[in-house]
N, C-alpha and C. Protein backbone atom coordinates (compact mmCIF):
# COMPACT_ATOMS: atom_id res chain seq x y z
N MET A 1 -6.40 -52.97 -46.01
CA MET A 1 -5.84 -51.65 -46.19
C MET A 1 -5.21 -51.18 -44.88
N VAL A 2 -4.16 -50.46 -44.98
CA VAL A 2 -3.42 -49.99 -43.81
C VAL A 2 -4.29 -49.13 -42.89
N GLY A 3 -4.98 -48.17 -43.44
CA GLY A 3 -5.81 -47.26 -42.65
C GLY A 3 -6.91 -47.96 -41.87
N GLN A 4 -7.43 -49.04 -42.41
CA GLN A 4 -8.48 -49.79 -41.72
C GLN A 4 -7.96 -50.43 -40.44
N ASN A 5 -6.65 -50.63 -40.36
CA ASN A 5 -6.03 -51.21 -39.17
C ASN A 5 -5.40 -50.14 -38.30
N TYR A 6 -5.78 -48.89 -38.53
CA TYR A 6 -5.34 -47.72 -37.74
C TYR A 6 -3.85 -47.43 -37.85
N TYR A 7 -3.25 -47.80 -38.99
CA TYR A 7 -1.91 -47.34 -39.32
C TYR A 7 -2.07 -46.16 -40.26
N ARG A 8 -1.33 -45.10 -40.02
CA ARG A 8 -1.47 -43.90 -40.83
C ARG A 8 -0.92 -44.14 -42.24
N PRO A 9 -1.75 -44.03 -43.28
CA PRO A 9 -1.26 -44.22 -44.64
C PRO A 9 -0.26 -43.13 -45.03
N SER A 10 0.78 -43.50 -45.75
CA SER A 10 1.77 -42.51 -46.19
C SER A 10 1.38 -41.89 -47.53
N ASN A 11 0.52 -42.54 -48.26
CA ASN A 11 0.04 -42.02 -49.53
C ASN A 11 -1.02 -40.95 -49.26
N PRO A 12 -0.78 -39.70 -49.68
CA PRO A 12 -1.72 -38.60 -49.39
C PRO A 12 -3.15 -38.85 -49.88
N GLU A 13 -3.30 -39.50 -51.02
CA GLU A 13 -4.64 -39.76 -51.55
C GLU A 13 -5.39 -40.76 -50.68
N ILE A 14 -4.71 -41.79 -50.23
CA ILE A 14 -5.34 -42.78 -49.35
C ILE A 14 -5.61 -42.17 -47.98
N LEU A 15 -4.69 -41.33 -47.51
CA LEU A 15 -4.87 -40.67 -46.22
C LEU A 15 -6.15 -39.85 -46.20
N LYS A 16 -6.47 -39.20 -47.30
CA LYS A 16 -7.70 -38.40 -47.38
C LYS A 16 -8.95 -39.25 -47.10
N GLU A 17 -8.90 -40.51 -47.49
CA GLU A 17 -10.04 -41.41 -47.25
C GLU A 17 -10.26 -41.64 -45.76
N PHE A 18 -9.22 -41.44 -44.96
CA PHE A 18 -9.30 -41.70 -43.53
C PHE A 18 -9.23 -40.42 -42.72
N GLY A 19 -9.69 -39.33 -43.29
CA GLY A 19 -9.65 -38.03 -42.64
C GLY A 19 -10.41 -37.98 -41.31
N LYS A 20 -11.39 -38.84 -41.13
CA LYS A 20 -12.12 -38.87 -39.87
C LYS A 20 -11.37 -39.64 -38.80
N VAL A 21 -10.40 -40.43 -39.20
CA VAL A 21 -9.63 -41.25 -38.26
C VAL A 21 -8.31 -40.55 -37.89
N PHE A 22 -7.67 -39.93 -38.88
CA PHE A 22 -6.36 -39.31 -38.68
C PHE A 22 -6.44 -37.81 -38.89
N ASP A 23 -5.77 -37.06 -38.04
CA ASP A 23 -5.69 -35.61 -38.19
C ASP A 23 -4.88 -35.32 -39.45
N LEU A 24 -5.49 -34.67 -40.42
CA LEU A 24 -4.81 -34.40 -41.68
C LEU A 24 -3.91 -33.17 -41.61
N ASN A 25 -3.99 -32.40 -40.54
CA ASN A 25 -3.21 -31.17 -40.42
C ASN A 25 -1.98 -31.33 -39.52
N ILE A 26 -1.74 -32.53 -39.04
CA ILE A 26 -0.61 -32.75 -38.16
C ILE A 26 0.70 -32.79 -38.96
N LYS A 27 1.74 -32.15 -38.41
CA LYS A 27 3.04 -32.18 -39.08
C LYS A 27 3.83 -33.34 -38.50
N LEU A 28 4.15 -34.31 -39.34
CA LEU A 28 4.90 -35.47 -38.90
C LEU A 28 6.40 -35.20 -39.02
N VAL A 29 7.17 -35.83 -38.18
CA VAL A 29 8.62 -35.69 -38.28
C VAL A 29 9.13 -36.63 -39.36
N ASN A 30 10.26 -36.27 -39.92
CA ASN A 30 10.92 -37.07 -40.94
C ASN A 30 12.34 -37.33 -40.45
N ILE A 31 12.72 -38.57 -40.35
CA ILE A 31 14.02 -38.90 -39.76
C ILE A 31 15.18 -38.24 -40.51
N ASP A 32 15.07 -38.13 -41.83
CA ASP A 32 16.15 -37.51 -42.59
C ASP A 32 16.18 -36.00 -42.39
N ASP A 33 15.03 -35.35 -42.52
CA ASP A 33 14.97 -33.89 -42.42
C ASP A 33 15.14 -33.39 -41.00
N ASP A 34 14.56 -34.08 -40.04
CA ASP A 34 14.53 -33.59 -38.66
C ASP A 34 15.65 -34.11 -37.77
N PHE A 35 16.26 -35.24 -38.15
CA PHE A 35 17.28 -35.84 -37.30
C PHE A 35 18.58 -36.16 -38.03
N GLY A 36 18.68 -35.80 -39.29
CA GLY A 36 19.92 -36.04 -40.04
C GLY A 36 20.11 -37.47 -40.51
N GLY A 37 19.04 -38.26 -40.50
CA GLY A 37 19.12 -39.64 -40.97
C GLY A 37 19.14 -40.65 -39.84
N GLY A 38 18.95 -41.90 -40.20
CA GLY A 38 18.87 -42.97 -39.22
C GLY A 38 20.15 -43.18 -38.44
N THR A 39 21.29 -43.08 -39.09
CA THR A 39 22.56 -43.30 -38.40
C THR A 39 22.79 -42.24 -37.34
N LYS A 40 22.59 -40.98 -37.69
CA LYS A 40 22.78 -39.90 -36.71
C LYS A 40 21.77 -40.00 -35.57
N ALA A 41 20.54 -40.34 -35.88
CA ALA A 41 19.52 -40.47 -34.84
C ALA A 41 19.87 -41.60 -33.88
N THR A 42 20.35 -42.71 -34.42
CA THR A 42 20.74 -43.83 -33.57
C THR A 42 21.89 -43.44 -32.66
N GLU A 43 22.89 -42.76 -33.22
CA GLU A 43 24.04 -42.33 -32.42
C GLU A 43 23.63 -41.39 -31.29
N LYS A 44 22.71 -40.49 -31.58
CA LYS A 44 22.31 -39.48 -30.59
C LYS A 44 21.31 -40.02 -29.57
N PHE A 45 20.36 -40.84 -30.01
CA PHE A 45 19.25 -41.23 -29.14
C PHE A 45 19.31 -42.66 -28.61
N PHE A 46 19.87 -43.59 -29.37
CA PHE A 46 19.71 -45.00 -29.02
C PHE A 46 21.00 -45.76 -28.73
N ALA A 47 22.15 -45.18 -28.97
CA ALA A 47 23.41 -45.85 -28.64
C ALA A 47 23.54 -45.96 -27.12
N ASP A 48 24.36 -46.88 -26.68
CA ASP A 48 24.55 -47.08 -25.23
C ASP A 48 24.92 -45.78 -24.54
N GLY A 49 24.17 -45.48 -23.47
CA GLY A 49 24.44 -44.31 -22.65
C GLY A 49 23.87 -43.00 -23.17
N THR A 50 23.16 -43.03 -24.28
CA THR A 50 22.61 -41.78 -24.82
C THR A 50 21.20 -41.53 -24.28
N ILE A 51 20.47 -40.66 -24.93
CA ILE A 51 19.21 -40.14 -24.43
C ILE A 51 18.21 -41.23 -24.02
N PHE A 52 18.02 -42.24 -24.84
CA PHE A 52 17.06 -43.30 -24.49
C PHE A 52 17.45 -43.96 -23.17
N ASP A 53 18.71 -44.30 -23.01
CA ASP A 53 19.15 -44.92 -21.77
C ASP A 53 18.93 -44.01 -20.57
N GLN A 54 19.12 -42.73 -20.75
CA GLN A 54 18.97 -41.77 -19.66
C GLN A 54 17.51 -41.65 -19.20
N ILE A 55 16.58 -41.70 -20.13
CA ILE A 55 15.16 -41.56 -19.75
C ILE A 55 14.53 -42.90 -19.36
N TYR A 56 15.19 -44.00 -19.69
CA TYR A 56 14.63 -45.32 -19.43
C TYR A 56 15.16 -45.94 -18.15
N LYS A 57 15.98 -45.25 -17.42
CA LYS A 57 16.54 -45.81 -16.18
C LYS A 57 15.44 -46.23 -15.23
N LYS A 58 15.66 -47.32 -14.56
CA LYS A 58 14.66 -47.83 -13.61
C LYS A 58 14.74 -47.07 -12.32
């Protein structure tokens, strides 16, 4: 089972079984709702010279 390996289950019913392991009140981000989808997020954060490159400089 996913939760037994410390991956947060996406199924709410299964997540309840792991309430002692995972905070059930945490608000998770959703790539579509919070970032406009994967393509927009990649363009803004991960394309060459964008935010990831700026914070990852050596």
